[in-house]
Amino acid sequence: SIGNAGGRPERDGQRRPGPDPREQPP
């Protein structure tokens, strides 16, 4: 997957729940 390249595989095509990195402080 281009958007998640190199990451862990997600179950049933869904991302694991968690904070959006874009909402974290820089």
mmCIF file of all heavy atoms, coordinates in Angstrom:
data_MODEL
# 
_entry.id   MODEL 
# 
loop_
_atom_site.group_PDB 
_atom_site.id 
_atom_site.type_symbol 
_atom_site.label_atom_id 
_atom_site.label_alt_id 
_atom_site.label_comp_id 
_atom_site.label_asym_id 
_atom_site.label_entity_id 
_atom_site.label_seq_id 
_atom_site.pdbx_PDB_ins_code 
_atom_site.Cartn_x 
_atom_site.Cartn_y 
_atom_site.Cartn_z 
_atom_site.occupancy 
_atom_site.B_iso_or_equiv 
_atom_site.pdbx_formal_charge 
_atom_site.auth_seq_id 
_atom_site.auth_comp_id 
_atom_site.auth_asym_id 
_atom_site.auth_atom_id 
_atom_site.pdbx_PDB_model_num 
ATOM 1   N N   . SER A 1 1  ? 0.837   -1.187 0.000  1.00 0.00 ? 1  SER A N   1 
ATOM 2   C CA  . SER A 1 1  ? 0.000   0.000  0.000  1.00 0.00 ? 1  SER A CA  1 
ATOM 3   C C   . SER A 1 1  ? 0.877   1.244  0.000  1.00 0.00 ? 1  SER A C   1 
ATOM 4   O O   . SER A 1 1  ? 1.765   1.387  0.821  1.00 0.00 ? 1  SER A O   1 
ATOM 5   C CB  . SER A 1 1  ? -0.903  0.002  1.248  1.00 0.00 ? 1  SER A CB  1 
ATOM 6   O OG  . SER A 1 1  ? -1.546  1.243  1.388  1.00 0.00 ? 1  SER A OG  1 
ATOM 7   N N   . ILE A 1 2  ? 0.605   2.165  -0.911 1.00 0.00 ? 2  ILE A N   1 
ATOM 8   C CA  . ILE A 1 2  ? 1.409   3.374  -1.000 1.00 0.00 ? 2  ILE A CA  1 
ATOM 9   C C   . ILE A 1 2  ? 1.245   4.218  0.246  1.00 0.00 ? 2  ILE A C   1 
ATOM 10  O O   . ILE A 1 2  ? 2.200   4.722  0.810  1.00 0.00 ? 2  ILE A O   1 
ATOM 11  C CB  . ILE A 1 2  ? 1.010   4.195  -2.241 1.00 0.00 ? 2  ILE A CB  1 
ATOM 12  C CG1 . ILE A 1 2  ? 1.214   3.364  -3.494 1.00 0.00 ? 2  ILE A CG1 1 
ATOM 13  C CG2 . ILE A 1 2  ? 1.806   5.479  -2.318 1.00 0.00 ? 2  ILE A CG2 1 
ATOM 14  C CD1 . ILE A 1 2  ? 2.623   2.955  -3.738 1.00 0.00 ? 2  ILE A CD1 1 
ATOM 15  N N   . GLY A 1 3  ? 0.022   4.375  0.707  1.00 0.00 ? 3  GLY A N   1 
ATOM 16  C CA  . GLY A 1 3  ? -0.206  5.259  1.850  1.00 0.00 ? 3  GLY A CA  1 
ATOM 17  C C   . GLY A 1 3  ? 0.350   4.722  3.144  1.00 0.00 ? 3  GLY A C   1 
ATOM 18  O O   . GLY A 1 3  ? 0.569   5.466  4.083  1.00 0.00 ? 3  GLY A O   1 
ATOM 19  N N   . ASN A 1 4  ? 0.553   3.422  3.240  1.00 0.00 ? 4  ASN A N   1 
ATOM 20  C CA  . ASN A 1 4  ? 1.056   2.845  4.479  1.00 0.00 ? 4  ASN A CA  1 
ATOM 21  C C   . ASN A 1 4  ? 2.272   1.991  4.202  1.00 0.00 ? 4  ASN A C   1 
ATOM 22  O O   . ASN A 1 4  ? 2.502   0.979  4.835  1.00 0.00 ? 4  ASN A O   1 
ATOM 23  C CB  . ASN A 1 4  ? -0.040  2.000  5.135  1.00 0.00 ? 4  ASN A CB  1 
ATOM 24  C CG  . ASN A 1 4  ? 0.319   1.596  6.554  1.00 0.00 ? 4  ASN A CG  1 
ATOM 25  O OD1 . ASN A 1 4  ? 0.880   2.397  7.286  1.00 0.00 ? 4  ASN A OD1 1 
ATOM 26  N ND2 . ASN A 1 4  ? -0.006  0.374  6.939  1.00 0.00 ? 4  ASN A ND2 1 
ATOM 27  N N   . ALA A 1 5  ? 3.049   2.367  3.198  1.00 0.00 ? 5  ALA A N   1 
ATOM 28  C CA  . ALA A 1 5  ? 4.176   1.546  2.766  1.00 0.00 ? 5  ALA A CA  1 
ATOM 29  C C   . ALA A 1 5  ? 5.145   1.322  3.882  1.00 0.00 ? 5  ALA A C   1 
ATOM 30  O O   . ALA A 1 5  ? 5.546   2.215  4.586  1.00 0.00 ? 5  ALA A O   1 
ATOM 31  C CB  . ALA A 1 5  ? 4.880   2.230  1.592  1.00 0.00 ? 5  ALA A CB  1 
ATOM 32  N N   . GLY A 1 6  ? 5.545   0.074  4.032  1.00 0.00 ? 6  GLY A N   1 
ATOM 33  C CA  . GLY A 1 6  ? 6.540   -0.258 5.039  1.00 0.00 ? 6  GLY A CA  1 
ATOM 34  C C   . GLY A 1 6  ? 5.958   -0.443 6.428  1.00 0.00 ? 6  GLY A C   1 
ATOM 35  O O   . GLY A 1 6  ? 6.651   -0.796 7.359  1.00 0.00 ? 6  GLY A O   1 
ATOM 36  N N   . GLY A 1 7  ? 4.641   -0.175 6.625  1.00 0.00 ? 7  GLY A N   1 
ATOM 37  C CA  . GLY A 1 7  ? 4.066   -0.304 7.942  1.00 0.00 ? 7  GLY A CA  1 
ATOM 38  C C   . GLY A 1 7  ? 3.548   -1.696 8.198  1.00 0.00 ? 7  GLY A C   1 
ATOM 39  O O   . GLY A 1 7  ? 3.632   -2.584 7.373  1.00 0.00 ? 7  GLY A O   1 
ATOM 40  N N   . ARG A 1 8  ? 2.952   -1.894 9.391  1.00 0.00 ? 8  ARG A N   1 
ATOM 41  C CA  . ARG A 1 8  ? 2.384   -3.198 9.723  1.00 0.00 ? 8  ARG A CA  1 
ATOM 42  C C   . ARG A 1 8  ? 1.090   -3.416 8.965  1.00 0.00 ? 8  ARG A C   1 
ATOM 43  O O   . ARG A 1 8  ? 0.320   -2.484 8.734  1.00 0.00 ? 8  ARG A O   1 
ATOM 44  C CB  . ARG A 1 8  ? 2.120   -3.263 11.223 1.00 0.00 ? 8  ARG A CB  1 
ATOM 45  C CG  . ARG A 1 8  ? 3.399   -3.204 12.060 1.00 0.00 ? 8  ARG A CG  1 
ATOM 46  C CD  . ARG A 1 8  ? 3.052   -3.278 13.528 1.00 0.00 ? 8  ARG A CD  1 
ATOM 47  N NE  . ARG A 1 8  ? 4.243   -3.247 14.349 1.00 0.00 ? 8  ARG A NE  1 
ATOM 48  C CZ  . ARG A 1 8  ? 4.222   -3.264 15.675 1.00 0.00 ? 8  ARG A CZ  1 
ATOM 49  N NH1 . ARG A 1 8  ? 3.077   -3.322 16.314 1.00 0.00 ? 8  ARG A NH1 1 
ATOM 50  N NH2 . ARG A 1 8  ? 5.344   -3.223 16.350 1.00 0.00 ? 8  ARG A NH2 1 
ATOM 51  N N   . PRO A 1 9  ? 0.807   -4.652 8.570  1.00 0.00 ? 9  PRO A N   1 
ATOM 52  C CA  . PRO A 1 9  ? -0.449  -4.912 7.880  1.00 0.00 ? 9  PRO A CA  1 
ATOM 53  C C   . PRO A 1 9  ? -1.641  -4.649 8.782  1.00 0.00 ? 9  PRO A C   1 
ATOM 54  O O   . PRO A 1 9  ? -1.590  -4.908 9.976  1.00 0.00 ? 9  PRO A O   1 
ATOM 55  C CB  . PRO A 1 9  ? -0.332  -6.400 7.501  1.00 0.00 ? 9  PRO A CB  1 
ATOM 56  C CG  . PRO A 1 9  ? 0.651   -6.971 8.462  1.00 0.00 ? 9  PRO A CG  1 
ATOM 57  C CD  . PRO A 1 9  ? 1.609   -5.874 8.771  1.00 0.00 ? 9  PRO A CD  1 
ATOM 58  N N   . GLU A 1 10 ? -2.713  -4.120 8.221  1.00 0.00 ? 10 GLU A N   1 
ATOM 59  C CA  . GLU A 1 10 ? -3.915  -3.828 8.999  1.00 0.00 ? 10 GLU A CA  1 
ATOM 60  C C   . GLU A 1 10 ? -4.954  -4.923 8.782  1.00 0.00 ? 10 GLU A C   1 
ATOM 61  O O   . GLU A 1 10 ? -5.089  -5.454 7.692  1.00 0.00 ? 10 GLU A O   1 
ATOM 62  C CB  . GLU A 1 10 ? -4.496  -2.468 8.547  1.00 0.00 ? 10 GLU A CB  1 
ATOM 63  C CG  . GLU A 1 10 ? -3.455  -1.351 8.457  1.00 0.00 ? 10 GLU A CG  1 
ATOM 64  C CD  . GLU A 1 10 ? -2.851  -0.992 9.791  1.00 0.00 ? 10 GLU A CD  1 
ATOM 65  O OE1 . GLU A 1 10 ? -3.392  -1.470 10.803 1.00 0.00 ? 10 GLU A OE1 1 
ATOM 66  O OE2 . GLU A 1 10 ? -1.854  -0.261 9.832  1.00 0.00 ? 10 GLU A OE2 1 
ATOM 67  N N   . ARG A 1 11 ? -5.709  -5.216 9.793  1.00 0.00 ? 11 ARG A N   1 
ATOM 68  C CA  . ARG A 1 11 ? -6.728  -6.258 9.712  1.00 0.00 ? 11 ARG A CA  1 
ATOM 69  C C   . ARG A 1 11 ? -7.942  -5.724 8.947  1.00 0.00 ? 11 ARG A C   1 
ATOM 70  O O   . ARG A 1 11 ? -8.426  -4.620 9.179  1.00 0.00 ? 11 ARG A O   1 
ATOM 71  C CB  . ARG A 1 11 ? -7.162  -6.671 11.116 1.00 0.00 ? 11 ARG A CB  1 
ATOM 72  C CG  . ARG A 1 11 ? -6.043  -7.350 11.902 1.00 0.00 ? 11 ARG A CG  1 
ATOM 73  C CD  . ARG A 1 11 ? -6.522  -7.713 13.298 1.00 0.00 ? 11 ARG A CD  1 
ATOM 74  N NE  . ARG A 1 11 ? -5.458  -8.346 14.076 1.00 0.00 ? 11 ARG A NE  1 
ATOM 75  C CZ  . ARG A 1 11 ? -5.584  -8.669 15.362 1.00 0.00 ? 11 ARG A CZ  1 
ATOM 76  N NH1 . ARG A 1 11 ? -6.722  -8.429 15.993 1.00 0.00 ? 11 ARG A NH1 1 
ATOM 77  N NH2 . ARG A 1 11 ? -4.578  -9.224 15.998 1.00 0.00 ? 11 ARG A NH2 1 
ATOM 78  N N   . ASP A 1 12 ? -8.432  -6.569 8.022  1.00 0.00 ? 12 ASP A N   1 
ATOM 79  C CA  . ASP A 1 12 ? -9.644  -6.269 7.266  1.00 0.00 ? 12 ASP A CA  1 
ATOM 80  C C   . ASP A 1 12 ? -9.527  -4.926 6.543  1.00 0.00 ? 12 ASP A C   1 
ATOM 81  O O   . ASP A 1 12 ? -10.513 -4.232 6.331  1.00 0.00 ? 12 ASP A O   1 
ATOM 82  C CB  . ASP A 1 12 ? -10.875 -6.244 8.184  1.00 0.00 ? 12 ASP A CB  1 
ATOM 83  C CG  . ASP A 1 12 ? -11.052 -7.572 8.914  1.00 0.00 ? 12 ASP A CG  1 
ATOM 84  O OD1 . ASP A 1 12 ? -10.792 -8.616 8.279  1.00 0.00 ? 12 ASP A OD1 1 
ATOM 85  O OD2 . ASP A 1 12 ? -11.450 -7.560 10.096 1.00 0.00 ? 12 ASP A OD2 1 
ATOM 86  N N   . GLY A 1 13 ? -8.283  -4.553 6.185  1.00 0.00 ? 13 GLY A N   1 
ATOM 87  C CA  . GLY A 1 13 ? -8.094  -3.326 5.429  1.00 0.00 ? 13 GLY A CA  1 
ATOM 88  C C   . GLY A 1 13 ? -8.284  -2.064 6.246  1.00 0.00 ? 13 GLY A C   1 
ATOM 89  O O   . GLY A 1 13 ? -8.306  -0.967 5.705  1.00 0.00 ? 13 GLY A O   1 
ATOM 90  N N   . GLN A 1 14 ? -8.480  -2.191 7.582  1.00 0.00 ? 14 GLN A N   1 
ATOM 91  C CA  . GLN A 1 14 ? -8.714  -1.009 8.407  1.00 0.00 ? 14 GLN A CA  1 
ATOM 92  C C   . GLN A 1 14 ? -7.449  -0.646 9.181  1.00 0.00 ? 14 GLN A C   1 
ATOM 93  O O   . GLN A 1 14 ? -6.679  -1.507 9.585  1.00 0.00 ? 14 GLN A O   1 
ATOM 94  C CB  . GLN A 1 14 ? -9.853  -1.294 9.417  1.00 0.00 ? 14 GLN A CB  1 
ATOM 95  C CG  . GLN A 1 14 ? -11.165 -1.663 8.755  1.00 0.00 ? 14 GLN A CG  1 
ATOM 96  C CD  . GLN A 1 14 ? -11.709 -0.526 7.926  1.00 0.00 ? 14 GLN A CD  1 
ATOM 97  O OE1 . GLN A 1 14 ? -11.660 0.623  8.351  1.00 0.00 ? 14 GLN A OE1 1 
ATOM 98  N NE2 . GLN A 1 14 ? -12.211 -0.843 6.744  1.00 0.00 ? 14 GLN A NE2 1 
ATOM 99  N N   . ARG A 1 15 ? -7.260  0.650  9.389  1.00 0.00 ? 15 ARG A N   1 
ATOM 100 C CA  . ARG A 1 15 ? -6.147  1.093  10.202 1.00 0.00 ? 15 ARG A CA  1 
ATOM 101 C C   . ARG A 1 15 ? -6.427  0.811  11.673 1.00 0.00 ? 15 ARG A C   1 
ATOM 102 O O   . ARG A 1 15 ? -7.565  0.858  12.117 1.00 0.00 ? 15 ARG A O   1 
ATOM 103 C CB  . ARG A 1 15 ? -5.901  2.604  10.029 1.00 0.00 ? 15 ARG A CB  1 
ATOM 104 C CG  . ARG A 1 15 ? -5.304  2.972  8.683  1.00 0.00 ? 15 ARG A CG  1 
ATOM 105 C CD  . ARG A 1 15 ? -4.998  4.468  8.678  1.00 0.00 ? 15 ARG A CD  1 
ATOM 106 N NE  . ARG A 1 15 ? -4.335  4.853  7.460  1.00 0.00 ? 15 ARG A NE  1 
ATOM 107 C CZ  . ARG A 1 15 ? -3.034  4.784  7.270  1.00 0.00 ? 15 ARG A CZ  1 
ATOM 108 N NH1 . ARG A 1 15 ? -2.256  4.321  8.229  1.00 0.00 ? 15 ARG A NH1 1 
ATOM 109 N NH2 . ARG A 1 15 ? -2.494  5.158  6.134  1.00 0.00 ? 15 ARG A NH2 1 
ATOM 110 N N   . ARG A 1 16 ? -5.387  0.552  12.425 1.00 0.00 ? 16 ARG A N   1 
ATOM 111 C CA  . ARG A 1 16 ? -5.546  0.374  13.871 1.00 0.00 ? 16 ARG A CA  1 
ATOM 112 C C   . ARG A 1 16 ? -5.910  1.716  14.486 1.00 0.00 ? 16 ARG A C   1 
ATOM 113 O O   . ARG A 1 16 ? -5.412  2.767  14.067 1.00 0.00 ? 16 ARG A O   1 
ATOM 114 C CB  . ARG A 1 16 ? -4.248  -0.145 14.493 1.00 0.00 ? 16 ARG A CB  1 
ATOM 115 C CG  . ARG A 1 16 ? -3.837  -1.514 13.961 1.00 0.00 ? 16 ARG A CG  1 
ATOM 116 C CD  . ARG A 1 16 ? -2.524  -1.943 14.597 1.00 0.00 ? 16 ARG A CD  1 
ATOM 117 N NE  . ARG A 1 16 ? -2.025  -3.168 13.985 1.00 0.00 ? 16 ARG A NE  1 
ATOM 118 C CZ  . ARG A 1 16 ? -2.390  -4.377 14.343 1.00 0.00 ? 16 ARG A CZ  1 
ATOM 119 N NH1 . ARG A 1 16 ? -3.272  -4.540 15.314 1.00 0.00 ? 16 ARG A NH1 1 
ATOM 120 N NH2 . ARG A 1 16 ? -1.893  -5.438 13.748 1.00 0.00 ? 16 ARG A NH2 1 
ATOM 121 N N   . PRO A 1 17 ? -6.783  1.722  15.492 1.00 0.00 ? 17 PRO A N   1 
ATOM 122 C CA  . PRO A 1 17 ? -7.171  2.993  16.110 1.00 0.00 ? 17 PRO A CA  1 
ATOM 123 C C   . PRO A 1 17 ? -5.969  3.618  16.808 1.00 0.00 ? 17 PRO A C   1 
ATOM 124 O O   . PRO A 1 17 ? -5.088  2.938  17.323 1.00 0.00 ? 17 PRO A O   1 
ATOM 125 C CB  . PRO A 1 17 ? -8.258  2.579  17.110 1.00 0.00 ? 17 PRO A CB  1 
ATOM 126 C CG  . PRO A 1 17 ? -7.991  1.128  17.389 1.00 0.00 ? 17 PRO A CG  1 
ATOM 127 C CD  . PRO A 1 17 ? -7.453  0.572  16.110 1.00 0.00 ? 17 PRO A CD  1 
ATOM 128 N N   . GLY A 1 18 ? -5.937  4.908  16.830 1.00 0.00 ? 18 GLY A N   1 
ATOM 129 C CA  . GLY A 1 18 ? -4.831  5.607  17.505 1.00 0.00 ? 18 GLY A CA  1 
ATOM 130 C C   . GLY A 1 18 ? -4.848  7.060  17.103 1.00 0.00 ? 18 GLY A C   1 
ATOM 131 O O   . GLY A 1 18 ? -5.602  7.480  16.228 1.00 0.00 ? 18 GLY A O   1 
ATOM 132 N N   . PRO A 1 19 ? -4.015  7.872  17.739 1.00 0.00 ? 19 PRO A N   1 
ATOM 133 C CA  . PRO A 1 19 ? -3.996  9.294  17.439 1.00 0.00 ? 19 PRO A CA  1 
ATOM 134 C C   . PRO A 1 19 ? -3.487  9.567  16.035 1.00 0.00 ? 19 PRO A C   1 
ATOM 135 O O   . PRO A 1 19 ? -2.618  8.874  15.534 1.00 0.00 ? 19 PRO A O   1 
ATOM 136 C CB  . PRO A 1 19 ? -3.032  9.856  18.495 1.00 0.00 ? 19 PRO A CB  1 
ATOM 137 C CG  . PRO A 1 19 ? -2.158  8.685  18.863 1.00 0.00 ? 19 PRO A CG  1 
ATOM 138 C CD  . PRO A 1 19 ? -3.042  7.492  18.764 1.00 0.00 ? 19 PRO A CD  1 
ATOM 139 N N   . ASP A 1 20 ? -4.061  10.551 15.403 1.00 0.00 ? 20 ASP A N   1 
ATOM 140 C CA  . ASP A 1 20 ? -3.619  10.953 14.077 1.00 0.00 ? 20 ASP A CA  1 
ATOM 141 C C   . ASP A 1 20 ? -2.283  11.670 14.220 1.00 0.00 ? 20 ASP A C   1 
ATOM 142 O O   . ASP A 1 20 ? -2.193  12.676 14.924 1.00 0.00 ? 20 ASP A O   1 
ATOM 143 C CB  . ASP A 1 20 ? -4.657  11.892 13.471 1.00 0.00 ? 20 ASP A CB  1 
ATOM 144 C CG  . ASP A 1 20 ? -4.335  12.238 12.019 1.00 0.00 ? 20 ASP A CG  1 
ATOM 145 O OD1 . ASP A 1 20 ? -3.156  12.081 11.625 1.00 0.00 ? 20 ASP A OD1 1 
ATOM 146 O OD2 . ASP A 1 20 ? -5.253  12.682 11.304 1.00 0.00 ? 20 ASP A OD2 1 
ATOM 147 N N   . PRO A 1 21 ? -1.200  11.185 13.546 1.00 0.00 ? 21 PRO A N   1 
ATOM 148 C CA  . PRO A 1 21 ? 0.098   11.830 13.681 1.00 0.00 ? 21 PRO A CA  1 
ATOM 149 C C   . PRO A 1 21 ? 0.068   13.306 13.315 1.00 0.00 ? 21 PRO A C   1 
ATOM 150 O O   . PRO A 1 21 ? 0.838   14.093 13.821 1.00 0.00 ? 21 PRO A O   1 
ATOM 151 C CB  . PRO A 1 21 ? 0.990   11.037 12.703 1.00 0.00 ? 21 PRO A CB  1 
ATOM 152 C CG  . PRO A 1 21 ? 0.310   9.723  12.536 1.00 0.00 ? 21 PRO A CG  1 
ATOM 153 C CD  . PRO A 1 21 ? -1.147  10.014 12.674 1.00 0.00 ? 21 PRO A CD  1 
ATOM 154 N N   . ARG A 1 22 ? -0.863  13.684 12.413 1.00 0.00 ? 22 ARG A N   1 
ATOM 155 C CA  . ARG A 1 22 ? -0.925  15.077 12.009 1.00 0.00 ? 22 ARG A CA  1 
ATOM 156 C C   . ARG A 1 22 ? -1.445  15.979 13.127 1.00 0.00 ? 22 ARG A C   1 
ATOM 157 O O   . ARG A 1 22 ? -1.312  17.192 13.079 1.00 0.00 ? 22 ARG A O   1 
ATOM 158 C CB  . ARG A 1 22 ? -1.800  15.207 10.767 1.00 0.00 ? 22 ARG A CB  1 
ATOM 159 C CG  . ARG A 1 22 ? -1.159  14.652 9.504  1.00 0.00 ? 22 ARG A CG  1 
ATOM 160 C CD  . ARG A 1 22 ? -2.160  14.546 8.377  1.00 0.00 ? 22 ARG A CD  1 
ATOM 161 N NE  . ARG A 1 22 ? -3.096  13.448 8.618  1.00 0.00 ? 22 ARG A NE  1 
ATOM 162 C CZ  . ARG A 1 22 ? -4.152  13.203 7.845  1.00 0.00 ? 22 ARG A CZ  1 
ATOM 163 N NH1 . ARG A 1 22 ? -4.425  13.989 6.823  1.00 0.00 ? 22 ARG A NH1 1 
ATOM 164 N NH2 . ARG A 1 22 ? -4.949  12.187 8.111  1.00 0.00 ? 22 ARG A NH2 1 
ATOM 165 N N   . GLU A 1 23 ? -2.105  15.378 14.143 1.00 0.00 ? 23 GLU A N   1 
ATOM 166 C CA  . GLU A 1 23 ? -2.644  16.155 15.241 1.00 0.00 ? 23 GLU A CA  1 
ATOM 167 C C   . GLU A 1 23 ? -1.680  16.221 16.420 1.00 0.00 ? 23 GLU A C   1 
ATOM 168 O O   . GLU A 1 23 ? -1.958  16.868 17.413 1.00 0.00 ? 23 GLU A O   1 
ATOM 169 C CB  . GLU A 1 23 ? -3.974  15.545 15.695 1.00 0.00 ? 23 GLU A CB  1 
ATOM 170 C CG  . GLU A 1 23 ? -5.041  15.574 14.602 1.00 0.00 ? 23 GLU A CG  1 
ATOM 171 C CD  . GLU A 1 23 ? -6.328  14.892 15.043 1.00 0.00 ? 23 GLU A CD  1 
ATOM 172 O OE1 . GLU A 1 23 ? -6.347  14.386 16.190 1.00 0.00 ? 23 GLU A OE1 1 
ATOM 173 O OE2 . GLU A 1 23 ? -7.290  14.874 14.261 1.00 0.00 ? 23 GLU A OE2 1 
ATOM 174 N N   . GLN A 1 24 ? -0.550  15.552 16.324 1.00 0.00 ? 24 GLN A N   1 
ATOM 175 C CA  . GLN A 1 24 ? 0.440   15.578 17.387 1.00 0.00 ? 24 GLN A CA  1 
ATOM 176 C C   . GLN A 1 24 ? 1.253   16.866 17.306 1.00 0.00 ? 24 GLN A C   1 
ATOM 177 O O   . GLN A 1 24 ? 1.416   17.457 16.247 1.00 0.00 ? 24 GLN A O   1 
ATOM 178 C CB  . GLN A 1 24 ? 1.386   14.371 17.269 1.00 0.00 ? 24 GLN A CB  1 
ATOM 179 C CG  . GLN A 1 24 ? 0.668   13.033 17.351 1.00 0.00 ? 24 GLN A CG  1 
ATOM 180 C CD  . GLN A 1 24 ? -0.109  12.869 18.642 1.00 0.00 ? 24 GLN A CD  1 
ATOM 181 O OE1 . GLN A 1 24 ? 0.437   12.989 19.727 1.00 0.00 ? 24 GLN A OE1 1 
ATOM 182 N NE2 . GLN A 1 24 ? -1.405  12.603 18.521 1.00 0.00 ? 24 GLN A NE2 1 
ATOM 183 N N   . PRO A 1 25 ? 1.780   17.337 18.443 1.00 0.00 ? 25 PRO A N   1 
ATOM 184 C CA  . PRO A 1 25 ? 2.625   18.538 18.395 1.00 0.00 ? 25 PRO A CA  1 
ATOM 185 C C   . PRO A 1 25 ? 3.848   18.280 17.540 1.00 0.00 ? 25 PRO A C   1 
ATOM 186 O O   . PRO A 1 25 ? 4.348   17.156 17.478 1.00 0.00 ? 25 PRO A O   1 
ATOM 187 C CB  . PRO A 1 25 ? 3.007   18.746 19.877 1.00 0.00 ? 25 PRO A CB  1 
ATOM 188 C CG  . PRO A 1 25 ? 2.798   17.419 20.531 1.00 0.00 ? 25 PRO A CG  1 
ATOM 189 C CD  . PRO A 1 25 ? 1.666   16.781 19.802 1.00 0.00 ? 25 PRO A CD  1 
ATOM 190 N N   . PRO A 1 26 ? 4.344   19.308 16.852 1.00 0.00 ? 26 PRO A N   1 
ATOM 191 C CA  . PRO A 1 26 ? 5.486   19.107 15.952 1.00 0.00 ? 26 PRO A CA  1 
ATOM 192 C C   . PRO A 1 26 ? 6.732   18.673 16.710 1.00 0.00 ? 26 PRO A C   1 
ATOM 193 O O   . PRO A 1 26 ? 6.985   19.110 17.833 1.00 0.00 ? 26 PRO A O   1 
ATOM 194 C CB  . PRO A 1 26 ? 5.670   20.489 15.312 1.00 0.00 ? 26 PRO A CB  1 
ATOM 195 C CG  . PRO A 1 26 ? 5.029   21.450 16.269 1.00 0.00 ? 26 PRO A CG  1 
ATOM 196 C CD  . PRO A 1 26 ? 3.887   20.701 16.882 1.00 0.00 ? 26 PRO A CD  1 
# 
